[in-house]
Protein backbone atom coordinates (compact mmCIF):
# COMPACT_ATOMS: atom_id res chain seq x y z
CA MET A 1 -14.58 45.59 -24.51
CA ALA A 2 -12.08 46.87 -27.87
CA ASP A 3 -12.80 44.81 -31.22
CA GLY A 4 -9.99 43.41 -33.48
CA ASN A 5 -9.18 40.49 -35.91
CA THR A 6 -8.27 36.97 -35.62
CA LEU A 7 -5.09 35.77 -35.76
CA TRP A 8 -6.48 33.57 -38.84
CA HIS A 9 -8.80 36.46 -40.05
CA GLY A 10 -7.12 36.78 -43.63
CA ARG A 11 -8.17 33.44 -44.52
CA PHE A 12 -11.57 33.63 -44.46
CA ASP A 13 -14.14 35.94 -45.59
CA GLY A 14 -16.87 37.28 -43.48
CA ASP A 15 -16.81 36.56 -39.50
CA ALA A 16 -17.14 33.42 -37.52
CA SER A 17 -20.76 32.37 -36.56
CA GLN A 18 -21.01 33.14 -32.65
CA ALA A 19 -21.51 29.37 -31.97
CA LEU A 20 -18.03 29.04 -33.33
CA ARG A 21 -16.50 31.52 -31.66
CA GLU A 22 -18.01 30.41 -28.48
CA LEU A 23 -16.96 27.18 -28.89
CA ASN A 24 -13.54 28.18 -30.06
CA ASP A 25 -12.50 30.63 -28.26
CA SER A 26 -10.53 29.28 -24.37
CA LEU A 27 -9.96 32.60 -23.43
CA PRO A 28 -12.46 32.29 -20.33
CA PHE A 29 -10.48 29.50 -18.45
CA ASP A 30 -6.76 30.10 -20.11
CA ARG A 31 -6.29 34.10 -19.20
CA ARG A 32 -4.99 32.40 -15.78
CA MET A 33 -1.56 31.21 -17.98
CA TYR A 34 -1.05 34.93 -18.72
CA ARG A 35 2.22 34.95 -16.84
CA GLU A 36 3.73 31.63 -18.32
CA ASP A 37 2.78 33.50 -21.85
CA ILE A 38 4.35 36.57 -21.26
CA ALA A 39 7.44 34.66 -20.01
CA GLY A 40 7.40 32.38 -23.36
CA SER A 41 7.36 35.72 -25.21
CA ARG A 42 10.10 37.55 -23.14
CA ALA A 43 12.68 34.43 -24.05
CA HIS A 44 11.06 34.07 -27.37
CA VAL A 45 11.80 37.82 -28.49
CA GLU A 46 15.12 37.93 -26.64
CA MET A 47 16.29 34.72 -28.46
CA LEU A 48 14.80 36.32 -31.90
CA CYS A 49 17.18 39.50 -31.19
CA GLU A 50 20.36 37.34 -30.22
CA VAL A 51 20.11 35.62 -33.71
CA GLY A 52 19.66 38.50 -35.45
CA LEU A 53 15.83 38.60 -36.41
CA ILE A 54 14.94 41.57 -34.52
CA GLU A 55 16.86 44.62 -33.91
CA ALA A 56 17.89 45.43 -30.22
CA VAL A 57 15.46 48.53 -30.31
CA GLU A 58 12.49 46.68 -31.25
CA LEU A 59 13.40 43.91 -28.39
CA GLN A 60 13.34 46.75 -25.68
CA ASP A 61 10.09 48.08 -27.34
CA ILE A 62 8.19 44.75 -27.17
CA LEU A 63 9.94 43.93 -23.58
CA GLU A 64 8.40 47.18 -22.22
CA ALA A 65 5.02 46.57 -24.16
CA LEU A 66 4.86 43.09 -22.29
CA GLU A 67 5.31 44.32 -19.15
CA VAL A 68 2.98 47.11 -19.11
CA VAL A 69 0.10 44.22 -20.60
CA GLU A 70 1.37 41.78 -17.59
CA ALA A 71 0.50 44.69 -15.13
CA GLU A 72 -2.94 45.60 -16.70
CA ILE A 73 -3.99 41.93 -16.73
CA ALA A 74 -2.54 41.62 -12.84
CA GLU A 75 -4.56 45.01 -11.81
CA GLY A 76 -7.46 43.90 -13.49
CA THR A 77 -7.23 47.09 -16.10
CA PHE A 78 -6.82 45.03 -19.33
CA GLU A 79 -9.42 45.36 -22.07
CA TRP A 80 -10.04 42.41 -23.57
CA ALA A 81 -11.33 42.45 -27.21
CA GLN A 82 -14.08 40.50 -28.74
CA SER A 83 -11.41 38.85 -31.26
CA ASP A 84 -9.31 37.29 -28.18
CA GLU A 85 -10.19 34.21 -28.45
CA ASP A 86 -7.17 33.24 -26.43
CA ILE A 87 -4.33 34.46 -23.76
CA HIS A 88 -1.90 34.49 -26.58
CA THR A 89 -4.08 36.40 -28.95
CA ALA A 90 -5.08 39.14 -26.39
CA ILE A 91 -1.42 39.59 -25.22
CA GLU A 92 0.02 39.85 -28.73
CA ARG A 93 -2.90 42.12 -29.79
CA ARG A 94 -2.34 44.80 -26.75
CA ALA A 95 1.12 44.26 -27.13
CA THR A 96 1.32 45.40 -30.62
CA GLU A 97 -1.28 48.81 -29.77
CA ILE A 98 1.39 49.68 -27.36
CA THR A 99 4.25 49.27 -29.99
CA PRO A 100 4.28 48.46 -33.85
CA SER A 101 7.52 46.21 -32.94
CA ALA A 102 5.36 43.88 -31.20
CA ALA A 103 3.94 42.68 -34.63
CA LYS A 104 7.33 40.84 -35.25
CA ILE A 105 6.75 38.77 -31.59
CA HIS A 106 5.16 35.55 -33.32
CA THR A 107 8.12 35.40 -35.44
CA GLY A 108 9.34 31.82 -36.05
CA ARG A 109 6.58 30.23 -33.78
CA SER A 110 3.05 29.21 -33.43
CA ARG A 111 0.28 29.08 -31.35
CA ASN A 112 0.52 25.71 -31.43
CA ASP A 113 4.22 25.27 -30.15
CA GLN A 114 3.45 28.69 -27.82
CA VAL A 115 0.61 27.02 -26.01
CA ALA A 116 2.10 23.84 -25.15
CA ASN A 117 5.13 25.81 -23.99
CA ASP A 118 2.55 27.67 -21.69
CA VAL A 119 0.88 24.44 -20.34
CA ARG A 120 4.34 22.88 -19.53
CA LEU A 121 5.45 26.44 -17.72
CA VAL A 122 1.75 26.12 -15.63
CA ALA A 123 2.65 22.23 -15.09
CA LEU A 124 5.74 22.97 -13.46
CA SER A 125 4.34 25.79 -11.58
CA GLU A 126 1.45 23.92 -10.34
CA ILE A 127 3.65 20.58 -9.02
CA ASP A 128 5.84 22.83 -6.78
CA SER A 129 2.69 24.25 -5.24
CA LEU A 130 0.99 20.88 -4.83
CA ALA A 131 3.86 19.41 -3.44
CA GLU A 132 4.13 22.60 -0.62
CA VAL A 133 0.64 22.04 0.30
CA LEU A 134 0.86 18.14 0.43
CA GLY A 135 4.17 18.45 2.79
CA ALA A 136 2.46 20.43 4.60
CA LEU A 137 -0.32 17.71 5.26
CA ILE A 138 2.14 15.32 5.89
CA ARG A 139 3.82 17.43 8.45
CA SER A 140 0.69 17.93 10.33
CA LEU A 141 0.07 14.09 10.17
CA LEU A 142 3.37 13.38 11.28
CA TYR A 143 3.55 16.15 14.32
CA ARG A 144 -0.27 14.23 15.56
CA ALA A 145 1.65 10.69 15.28
CA GLU A 146 4.47 12.00 17.03
CA ASP A 147 2.41 12.99 19.52
CA ALA A 148 0.07 9.92 19.80
CA HIS A 149 3.05 7.84 20.13
CA GLU A 150 4.49 9.92 23.32
CA ASN A 151 0.97 9.38 24.67
CA GLY A 152 0.79 6.05 23.61
CA TRP A 153 -2.80 6.05 22.21
CA TYR A 154 -3.76 3.26 20.33
CA LEU A 155 -7.55 2.05 18.43
CA PRO A 156 -8.07 -0.95 16.89
CA GLY A 157 -7.02 -1.77 13.64
CA TYR A 158 -9.73 -3.18 11.19
CA THR A 159 -9.86 -5.69 8.07
CA HIS A 160 -13.49 -5.60 5.95
CA LEU A 161 -14.38 -3.05 8.72
CA GLN A 162 -14.19 -5.41 11.36
CA ARG A 163 -11.78 -4.83 14.70
CA ALA A 164 -8.66 -7.13 13.90
CA GLN A 165 -5.81 -6.41 16.06
CA PRO A 166 -4.76 -3.33 17.96
CA VAL A 167 -2.70 -0.57 16.69
CA GLY A 168 -1.06 2.43 17.50
CA LEU A 169 -2.45 5.68 16.57
CA ALA A 170 1.05 6.66 15.63
CA HIS A 171 0.90 3.87 13.58
CA HIS A 172 -2.86 4.57 11.78
CA LEU A 173 -1.80 8.17 10.96
CA ALA A 174 1.84 7.22 9.65
CA ALA A 175 -0.25 5.21 7.18
CA TYR A 176 -1.13 8.28 5.72
CA CYS A 177 2.00 9.78 5.74
CA TRP A 178 3.72 7.53 3.64
CA MET A 179 0.96 7.14 1.02
CA LEU A 180 1.16 11.16 0.54
CA MET A 181 4.92 10.70 0.48
CA ARG A 182 4.49 8.43 -2.50
CA ASP A 183 1.74 10.83 -3.94
CA LEU A 184 4.90 13.63 -3.81
CA ASP A 185 6.94 10.92 -5.76
CA ARG A 186 4.87 10.21 -8.51
CA LEU A 187 4.26 14.13 -9.03
CA HIS A 188 8.32 14.61 -9.08
CA GLU A 189 8.15 12.07 -11.62
CA ALA A 190 5.59 13.67 -13.66
CA ARG A 191 7.66 17.16 -13.47
CA GLY A 192 10.52 15.52 -14.78
CA ARG A 193 8.20 14.69 -18.04
CA ALA A 194 6.92 18.55 -18.09
CA ASP A 195 9.97 19.94 -17.86
CA VAL A 196 10.91 19.93 -21.56
CA SER A 197 10.52 22.74 -23.62
CA VAL A 198 8.75 22.61 -26.99
CA LEU A 199 9.10 26.52 -28.29
CA GLY A 200 10.59 26.07 -31.71
CA ALA A 201 8.53 23.37 -32.99
CA GLY A 202 6.06 25.77 -35.03
CA ALA A 203 3.62 24.69 -36.02
CA LEU A 204 4.24 21.05 -36.69
CA ALA A 205 7.60 21.17 -38.38
CA GLY A 206 9.98 23.45 -37.30
CA SER A 207 10.69 26.76 -38.93
CA ALA A 208 13.24 27.65 -41.67
CA LEU A 209 14.58 31.20 -39.60
CA PRO A 210 17.40 30.56 -37.55
CA ILE A 211 16.12 30.40 -34.49
CA ASP A 212 17.44 28.67 -31.37
CA PRO A 213 15.04 26.22 -29.01
CA HIS A 214 18.03 25.78 -27.04
CA LEU A 215 18.47 29.38 -25.85
CA VAL A 216 14.54 29.62 -25.49
CA ALA A 217 14.72 26.43 -22.75
CA GLU A 218 17.54 27.70 -21.08
CA LYS A 219 16.31 31.48 -20.57
CA LEU A 220 12.69 29.50 -19.16
CA GLY A 221 14.37 27.47 -16.87
CA PHE A 222 13.58 23.75 -18.87
CA THR A 223 16.37 21.26 -18.29
CA SER A 224 15.82 19.65 -21.66
CA VAL A 225 14.31 20.44 -25.55
CA PHE A 226 11.79 18.33 -27.86
CA ASN A 227 13.80 16.17 -30.01
CA ASN A 228 10.59 16.03 -32.82
CA SER A 229 8.31 18.99 -33.98
CA LEU A 230 5.72 16.40 -34.29
CA ASP A 231 5.55 14.86 -30.99
CA ALA A 232 6.21 18.30 -29.61
CA VAL A 233 2.73 19.96 -30.80
CA SER A 234 0.99 17.05 -29.71
CA ASP A 235 2.09 15.77 -26.93
CA ARG A 236 -0.03 15.87 -23.58
CA ASP A 237 1.31 12.78 -21.88
CA PHE A 238 2.47 15.21 -19.11
CA VAL A 239 -0.92 16.61 -18.68
CA ALA A 240 -2.37 12.75 -18.24
CA ASP A 241 0.65 11.98 -15.78
CA LEU A 242 -0.02 14.85 -13.47
CA LEU A 243 -3.92 14.20 -13.97
CA TYR A 244 -3.16 10.72 -12.67
CA SER A 245 -0.81 11.65 -10.17
CA LEU A 246 -3.40 14.05 -8.60
CA SER A 247 -6.08 11.13 -9.01
CA VAL A 248 -4.09 9.06 -6.44
CA VAL A 249 -3.78 12.01 -3.96
CA GLY A 250 -7.53 12.61 -4.32
CA VAL A 251 -7.96 8.68 -3.69
CA HIS A 252 -5.86 9.10 -0.53
CA LEU A 253 -7.46 12.18 0.40
CA SER A 254 -10.74 10.27 0.09
CA ARG A 255 -9.46 7.51 2.53
CA LEU A 256 -8.02 9.79 5.14
CA GLY A 257 -11.87 11.74 4.65
CA GLU A 258 -13.41 8.61 5.04
CA GLU A 259 -11.53 7.61 8.24
CA ILE A 260 -12.36 10.92 9.71
CA CYS A 261 -15.76 10.48 8.95
CA LEU A 262 -16.18 6.81 10.46
CA TRP A 263 -13.99 8.32 13.56
CA ALA A 264 -16.43 11.40 14.28
CA SER A 265 -19.86 9.27 13.93
CA SER A 266 -21.71 8.71 17.73
CA GLU A 267 -20.67 4.81 16.98
CA PHE A 268 -16.85 5.17 16.87
CA ASN A 269 -16.46 8.40 18.88
CA PHE A 270 -12.57 8.74 18.18
CA VAL A 271 -12.73 12.14 17.65
CA GLU A 272 -14.50 15.48 17.78
CA LEU A 273 -14.48 17.96 15.02
CA ASP A 274 -13.25 21.33 15.43
CA ASP A 275 -16.13 23.97 15.47
CA ALA A 276 -13.85 25.82 12.41
CA PHE A 277 -13.62 22.55 10.59
CA SER A 278 -17.26 21.30 10.74
CA THR A 279 -20.62 22.05 10.17
CA GLY A 280 -24.09 21.89 11.85
CA SER A 281 -27.44 20.43 10.58
CA SER A 282 -30.32 23.18 9.08
CA MET A 283 -32.91 21.12 11.14
CA MET A 284 -31.05 19.19 13.94
CA PRO A 285 -29.23 21.43 16.33
CA GLN A 286 -27.43 19.00 17.81
CA LYS A 287 -25.44 17.92 14.60
CA LYS A 288 -21.91 18.68 14.27
CA ASN A 289 -20.77 17.10 10.61
CA PRO A 290 -17.38 16.25 8.92
CA ASP A 291 -18.08 18.27 5.57
CA ILE A 292 -14.80 18.43 4.72
CA ALA A 293 -14.02 15.03 5.06
CA GLU A 294 -17.05 14.49 3.29
CA LEU A 295 -15.96 16.36 0.58
CA ALA A 296 -12.41 15.35 0.50
CA ARG A 297 -14.23 11.74 -0.10
CA GLY A 298 -16.28 13.47 -2.81
CA LYS A 299 -13.84 15.25 -4.77
CA ALA A 300 -11.54 12.05 -5.55
CA GLY A 301 -14.51 10.98 -7.83
CA ARG A 302 -14.29 14.83 -9.81
CA LEU A 303 -10.57 13.97 -10.25
CA LEU A 304 -11.29 10.30 -11.49
CA GLY A 305 -13.32 12.00 -14.20
CA ASN A 306 -10.82 14.71 -15.21
CA LEU A 307 -8.28 12.13 -16.06
CA THR A 308 -10.65 9.56 -17.46
CA GLY A 309 -12.36 12.70 -19.92
CA PHE A 310 -8.55 13.69 -20.97
CA LEU A 311 -7.15 10.02 -21.87
CA ALA A 312 -10.76 9.67 -23.93
CA THR A 313 -9.93 13.18 -25.81
CA GLN A 314 -6.66 11.99 -26.55
CA LYS A 315 -7.15 8.37 -27.92
CA GLY A 316 -7.98 9.12 -31.53
CA LEU A 317 -6.08 12.18 -32.19
CA PRO A 318 -3.54 11.84 -35.23
CA LEU A 319 -0.68 13.39 -35.75
CA THR A 320 0.25 16.40 -34.87
CA TYR A 321 -2.21 19.55 -33.26
CA ASN A 322 -5.91 19.24 -33.11
CA LYS A 323 -7.98 21.64 -31.79
CA ASP A 324 -9.10 18.81 -29.47
CA LEU A 325 -6.02 19.37 -27.66
CA GLN A 326 -7.66 22.64 -26.09
CA GLU A 327 -9.20 20.28 -23.50
CA ASP A 328 -5.81 19.41 -21.46
CA LYS A 329 -6.37 23.22 -19.60
CA GLU A 330 -9.70 22.94 -17.72
CA PRO A 331 -9.05 19.56 -16.32
CA MET A 332 -5.40 20.35 -15.33
CA PHE A 333 -6.48 23.55 -13.94
CA ASP A 334 -9.48 21.96 -11.89
CA SER A 335 -7.64 18.89 -10.83
CA CYS A 336 -4.88 21.30 -9.22
CA ASP A 337 -7.46 23.70 -7.96
CA THR A 338 -9.08 20.52 -6.19
CA VAL A 339 -6.38 19.20 -4.77
CA ARG A 340 -4.83 22.08 -3.56
CA LEU A 341 -7.91 23.38 -2.12
CA THR A 342 -9.11 19.80 -0.17
CA ALA A 343 -5.32 18.93 1.10
CA LEU A 344 -5.58 22.96 2.89
CA ALA A 345 -8.68 22.11 4.17
CA LEU A 346 -7.65 18.21 5.43
CA THR A 347 -4.54 20.02 7.03
CA GLY A 348 -6.60 22.44 9.32
CA MET A 349 -9.27 19.44 10.12
CA VAL A 350 -6.11 17.31 11.15
CA GLU A 351 -4.54 20.06 13.28
CA THR A 352 -7.51 20.44 14.85
CA LEU A 353 -8.81 16.89 15.52
CA LYS A 354 -9.20 16.05 19.52
CA PHE A 355 -8.83 12.33 19.84
CA ASN A 356 -11.12 10.39 22.48
CA GLU A 357 -8.40 8.48 24.12
CA ASP A 358 -10.76 6.80 26.33
CA ALA A 359 -13.43 5.31 22.93
CA MET A 360 -10.29 4.13 21.34
CA LYS A 361 -8.41 2.45 24.25
CA GLU A 362 -12.10 0.98 25.08
CA SER A 363 -12.71 -0.19 21.50
CA ALA A 364 -9.11 -1.79 21.15
CA ASP A 365 -9.02 -3.76 24.87
CA SER A 366 -11.20 -6.41 23.89
CA PRO A 367 -9.09 -9.79 24.26
CA TYR A 368 -9.91 -11.26 21.50
CA GLY A 369 -8.04 -8.91 19.66
CA ALA A 370 -4.87 -10.34 20.62
CA ALA A 371 -5.80 -13.78 19.57
CA THR A 372 -2.86 -13.55 16.54
CA ASP A 373 -0.53 -12.77 19.69
CA LEU A 374 -1.75 -15.93 21.32
CA ALA A 375 -0.87 -18.10 17.96
CA ASP A 376 2.34 -16.47 17.63
CA PHE A 377 3.31 -17.13 21.42
CA LEU A 378 2.37 -21.16 20.47
CA VAL A 379 4.67 -20.77 17.19
CA GLU A 380 7.77 -19.89 19.56
CA LYS A 381 7.01 -22.81 21.47
CA GLY A 382 7.53 -24.98 18.19
CA ILE A 383 4.03 -25.67 17.23
CA PRO A 384 3.27 -24.84 13.41
CA PHE A 385 1.39 -21.70 12.92
CA ARG A 386 -1.63 -23.66 11.25
CA THR A 387 -1.87 -25.60 14.45
CA ALA A 388 -1.64 -22.84 16.29
CA HIS A 389 -4.44 -20.57 14.56
CA SER A 390 -6.54 -23.51 14.98
CA VAL A 391 -5.99 -23.87 18.60
CA ILE A 392 -6.78 -20.20 19.33
CA ALA A 393 -9.55 -20.04 16.82
CA GLY A 394 -11.14 -22.90 18.88
CA LEU A 395 -10.65 -20.91 22.38
CA VAL A 396 -12.61 -18.16 20.95
CA ARG A 397 -15.29 -19.89 19.34
CA GLU A 398 -15.51 -21.64 23.06
CA SER A 399 -15.74 -18.50 24.44
CA LEU A 400 -18.25 -17.03 22.27
CA GLU A 401 -20.48 -19.85 22.35
CA SER A 402 -20.11 -20.54 26.33
CA GLY A 403 -19.52 -16.99 27.76
CA ASP A 404 -16.94 -18.24 29.40
CA ASP A 405 -13.96 -15.70 29.46
CA LEU A 406 -11.25 -16.30 27.03
CA VAL A 407 -8.67 -14.90 29.34
CA THR A 408 -9.95 -17.97 32.17
CA LEU A 409 -10.01 -20.47 28.87
CA VAL A 410 -5.73 -19.41 28.01
CA GLU A 411 -5.16 -19.59 31.73
CA SER A 412 -6.17 -23.05 32.12
CA HIS A 413 -4.80 -24.70 28.56
CA GLU A 414 -2.04 -26.75 28.62
CA ASP A 415 0.00 -25.21 25.83
CA LEU A 416 -0.95 -21.57 26.70
CA GLY A 417 -1.20 -20.89 30.84
CA ALA A 418 -0.72 -17.81 32.78
CA ASP A 419 2.09 -16.25 30.82
CA ALA A 420 -0.28 -16.15 27.57
CA ALA A 421 -3.04 -15.00 29.32
CA GLN A 422 -1.06 -11.90 29.76
CA LEU A 423 -1.19 -10.90 26.02
CA LEU A 424 -5.06 -10.43 27.23
CA LEU A 425 -4.64 -7.66 29.33
CA PRO A 426 -5.64 -4.33 28.24
CA GLY A 427 -2.98 -1.69 27.00
CA ILE A 428 -0.23 -4.69 26.86
CA GLY A 429 2.47 -3.39 24.66
CA SER A 430 2.39 -4.59 21.53
CA ARG A 431 5.15 -7.35 20.06
CA ARG A 432 4.71 -6.87 16.83
CA ASN A 433 8.18 -5.20 16.28
CA SER A 434 9.20 -6.40 13.23
CA HIS A 435 9.74 -3.88 10.43
CA GLY A 436 7.13 -1.57 9.61
CA GLY A 437 5.19 -3.28 12.05
CA ALA A 438 3.18 -1.61 14.76
CA GLY A 439 4.73 -2.44 18.00
CA SER A 440 6.53 0.10 19.67
CA ASP A 441 9.63 -0.03 18.92
CA ALA A 442 9.18 -0.57 15.11
CA VAL A 443 6.70 2.69 15.29
CA SER A 444 9.69 4.78 16.89
CA ILE A 445 11.86 3.68 14.10
CA GLN A 446 9.12 4.34 11.41
CA LEU A 447 9.06 7.93 12.73
CA GLU A 448 12.22 8.73 12.69
CA ALA A 449 12.39 7.51 9.19
CA LEU A 450 9.68 9.83 8.52
CA ARG A 451 11.29 12.67 10.50
CA ALA A 452 14.08 12.62 7.87
CA ARG A 453 11.71 12.54 4.81
CA VAL A 454 10.19 14.95 5.82
CA GLY A 455 12.97 16.97 6.11
CA ASP A 456 14.34 16.23 2.72
CA LEU A 457 11.49 18.00 1.37
CA ARG A 458 12.16 21.37 3.25
């Protein structure tokens, strides 16, 4: 490891204590931003040349040096120096070793606006990557939903974890598609707020040099430029936006994981896990455990912790830059990595699930699950719903207490009869075809809408 000085060594006598150095240095985790940092440096020096602050030959030397540095880091041959407290220092130090012209690379900028811009570039890239991964999960769920709809598979719908009304498996799986679609909307909104270039804000008050922040923004592909230099270097709202969006994703993935855990249990037996997406027990040879689903459930706590921890970090910061803001990268990187890996694993699990049609059907075919349909039957005859609800509830209670068959009780009831009793037969098609409902016709319309949305994602 090479030696060298910090960017701020001239202000102090002696060297930083080891404890300070280890606490202060962010290189162990921010080195993953090297591509973004080099991209920002390229755009910055190109701007410096265009406004006349460096010569064309110097620009060429710097660009060639940055290309060498990028290749060394990518190939793992880069020699990190003890003085490299962050990725910005390391890249500038090495570029200057390659060409003296790189000593001008920091003209008109500060690490304050430099790091803020790097984090924004990373956020944009991560959001695009995460959108692709979540899109793949949505497509997998939609494919399984369409297959289930075609096969007419259904299962009990639940409230309070009690069997409520039968619903199509397609309707159930589509619910997760809509959840994840909202997650993509949130990520898109977070992307818009991250898509602001802040290079040119300097340490906090801009620059007396004739720099052109709009030119840098254009070169980096940002759609807008900061308006206030104080806000620019201290703003990490976009990180909080991203962490919040990913926390909600994590909650949704956790809910899907919990569903799979329940369905895979012997008590439900609705699904069988593929061997490649489950594990066994070190003691009990009969076990097949839904570890991926459980980890999806558990990772949600980690994502929520990253969000709340970072919000707490920001709550007492005066303008402008404070070293506390160094704590933005680790939770952001961790949340992005966690969601990406969890979604990828769940996609494979969803694609390979084997649904137990018979077990789902048996659980859903209790005549009590059609109690609401009986009440609706009475409503269609002009009876107020509260009265209809009371009548059907009384029949259900009578059936449970006496052991009499509910179908027989319905058939013999003066306001119900044989037509109503038909609603209690196993496998009867759902009548709930209101918009967004569980009826077969409504689900067909819903799946068509989902297919259109997924097509737009592509």
